[in-house]
Protein backbone atom coordinates (compact mmCIF):
# COMPACT_ATOMS: atom_id res chain seq x y z
CA MET A 1 87.32 76.64 94.91
CA PRO A 2 83.68 77.17 95.86
CA VAL A 3 81.04 76.55 93.25
CA LEU A 4 79.61 79.96 92.42
CA ASP A 5 75.84 80.18 92.22
CA HIS A 6 75.42 83.25 90.04
CA SER A 7 72.05 84.18 91.54
CA ILE A 8 73.76 84.35 94.95
CA THR A 9 76.98 86.00 93.81
CA ASN A 10 75.11 88.61 91.74
CA ASP A 11 73.10 89.48 94.85
CA LEU A 12 76.19 89.58 97.07
CA MET A 13 78.02 91.88 94.68
CA GLU A 14 75.09 94.31 94.69
CA LYS A 15 74.89 94.09 98.49
CA TYR A 16 78.62 94.78 98.77
CA PHE A 17 78.22 98.05 96.87
CA GLN A 18 75.02 98.99 98.73
CA SER A 19 76.56 98.51 102.15
CA VAL A 20 80.26 97.81 102.56
CA ASN A 21 81.55 100.01 99.75
CA MET A 22 79.21 102.85 100.75
CA GLN A 23 80.91 102.99 104.15
CA HIS A 24 84.42 102.21 102.88
CA PRO A 25 84.57 103.16 99.19
CA ILE A 26 87.63 101.32 97.90
CA LEU A 27 86.27 99.63 94.77
CA ASP A 28 84.86 101.10 91.59
CA TYR A 29 81.50 99.54 90.68
CA ASP A 30 81.97 99.46 86.89
CA GLU A 31 85.49 98.06 87.14
CA SER A 32 84.40 95.47 89.71
CA ALA A 33 81.38 94.44 87.64
CA ALA A 34 83.55 93.85 84.58
CA GLN A 35 86.04 91.87 86.65
CA TYR A 36 83.19 89.90 88.27
CA HIS A 37 81.74 88.84 84.91
CA SER A 38 85.17 87.84 83.65
CA LEU A 39 86.04 85.84 86.78
CA ALA A 40 82.59 84.29 87.19
CA SER A 41 82.69 82.86 83.68
CA ASN A 42 86.32 81.73 83.88
CA PRO A 43 87.43 81.28 87.51
CA GLU A 44 91.18 80.85 87.83
CA PRO A 45 93.30 80.85 90.98
CA SER A 46 94.71 84.38 91.08
CA LEU A 47 95.02 87.42 93.31
CA GLU A 48 92.09 89.00 91.45
CA TYR A 49 89.92 85.96 92.10
CA ALA A 50 90.92 85.97 95.78
CA SER A 51 89.95 89.67 96.00
CA PHE A 52 86.62 88.90 94.36
CA LEU A 53 85.94 86.11 96.89
CA LEU A 54 86.80 88.44 99.77
CA MET A 55 84.34 91.01 98.40
CA LEU A 56 81.63 88.31 98.44
CA ALA A 57 82.61 87.30 101.98
CA LEU A 58 82.33 90.90 103.22
CA ALA A 59 78.89 91.27 101.64
CA GLU A 60 77.71 88.02 103.20
CA VAL A 61 78.93 89.15 106.64
CA ALA A 62 77.33 92.58 106.26
CA TYR A 63 73.91 91.09 105.53
CA ALA A 64 73.96 88.02 107.77
CA PRO A 65 71.54 88.27 110.67
CA ALA A 66 73.30 88.08 114.02
CA PRO A 67 72.65 84.89 115.95
CA GLU A 68 70.30 85.14 118.91
CA ALA A 69 72.83 83.44 121.15
CA LEU A 70 76.51 82.67 121.04
CA ASP A 71 76.83 80.19 118.21
CA THR A 72 80.28 78.80 117.51
CA ASP A 73 79.11 77.56 114.10
CA TRP A 74 78.03 81.06 112.98
CA SER A 75 80.52 82.03 110.31
CA PRO A 76 79.00 84.06 107.48
CA GLY A 77 81.40 84.64 104.63
CA SER A 78 83.65 81.75 105.58
CA THR A 79 83.03 79.81 102.36
CA TYR A 80 84.37 82.69 100.30
CA SER A 81 87.07 83.91 102.70
CA SER A 82 88.53 80.42 103.19
CA ALA A 83 88.75 79.94 99.44
CA ALA A 84 90.37 83.36 99.05
CA LEU A 85 92.94 82.67 101.74
CA SER A 86 93.88 79.37 100.15
CA ARG A 87 94.69 81.32 96.95
CA LEU A 88 96.90 83.75 98.86
CA ARG A 89 98.98 81.18 100.75
CA PRO A 90 102.20 80.13 99.08
CA THR A 91 102.19 76.52 97.93
């Protein structure tokens, strides 16, 4: 599970709703904010936590500057998406 830096995750959540959710409105801000505060203070492996991590990953991808050249190491959002996918795989 990634260590959540609240200054970064707060920013990513706001960016998600300013960009991704504006184009594809699937989440309710108030509901997501309440869930975020609950999960951020008590992270547990769950489907809700995986969804939260995917929201952060999408925000990070949406705001990551594109590389100037083909860069195989360029993978914005991978920290959050990898953690989310590990929660979704059966053990």
